[in-house]
Amino acid sequence: MTKEHDELMELTHEEVPGYRKIFFFLIICASIYLAVILASTL
């Protein structure tokens, strides 16, 4: 390898405001949806 590729490169980006709240909201909605399906099959 050449000396240019010896160092690890890190790709970063700015955080999108509100993304984390929407992500957790969708996870909760999906969990409730799956719980309703499971409850209806019992």
Protein backbone atom coordinates (compact mmCIF):
# COMPACT_ATOMS: atom_id res chain seq x y z
CA MET A 1 0.00 0.00 0.00
CA THR A 2 1.06 3.52 -0.54
CA LYS A 3 1.51 6.05 2.21
CA GLU A 4 -1.68 7.83 1.10
CA HIS A 5 -3.84 4.86 2.11
CA ASP A 6 -2.12 4.05 5.43
CA GLU A 7 -4.31 6.45 7.42
CA LEU A 8 -7.95 5.67 8.09
CA MET A 9 -10.37 8.12 6.56
CA GLU A 10 -13.56 9.08 8.39
CA LEU A 11 -16.70 10.14 6.56
CA THR A 12 -18.80 12.50 8.67
CA HIS A 13 -21.98 14.48 8.11
CA GLU A 14 -24.13 16.96 9.97
CA GLU A 15 -27.00 15.57 12.05
CA VAL A 16 -30.46 16.21 10.61
CA PRO A 17 -32.68 17.88 13.23
CA GLY A 18 -35.69 15.79 14.23
CA TYR A 19 -34.45 12.58 12.60
CA ARG A 20 -33.95 10.74 15.91
CA LYS A 21 -37.48 11.55 17.14
CA ILE A 22 -39.05 10.38 13.87
CA PHE A 23 -36.94 7.21 13.89
CA PHE A 24 -38.05 6.24 17.40
CA PHE A 25 -41.66 7.15 16.61
CA LEU A 26 -41.62 4.81 13.60
CA ILE A 27 -40.02 2.01 15.66
CA ILE A 28 -42.79 2.37 18.27
CA CYS A 29 -45.49 2.37 15.55
CA ALA A 30 -44.01 -0.75 13.96
CA SER A 31 -43.83 -2.49 17.35
CA ILE A 32 -47.48 -1.67 18.11
CA TYR A 33 -48.49 -2.87 14.63
CA LEU A 34 -46.69 -6.18 15.13
CA ALA A 35 -48.18 -6.55 18.62
CA VAL A 36 -51.70 -6.08 17.18
CA ILE A 37 -51.04 -8.69 14.51
CA LEU A 38 -49.68 -11.11 17.11
CA ALA A 39 -52.65 -10.51 19.42
CA SER A 40 -55.15 -11.05 16.62
CA THR A 41 -53.63 -14.44 15.72
CA LEU A 42 -53.95 -15.83 19.26
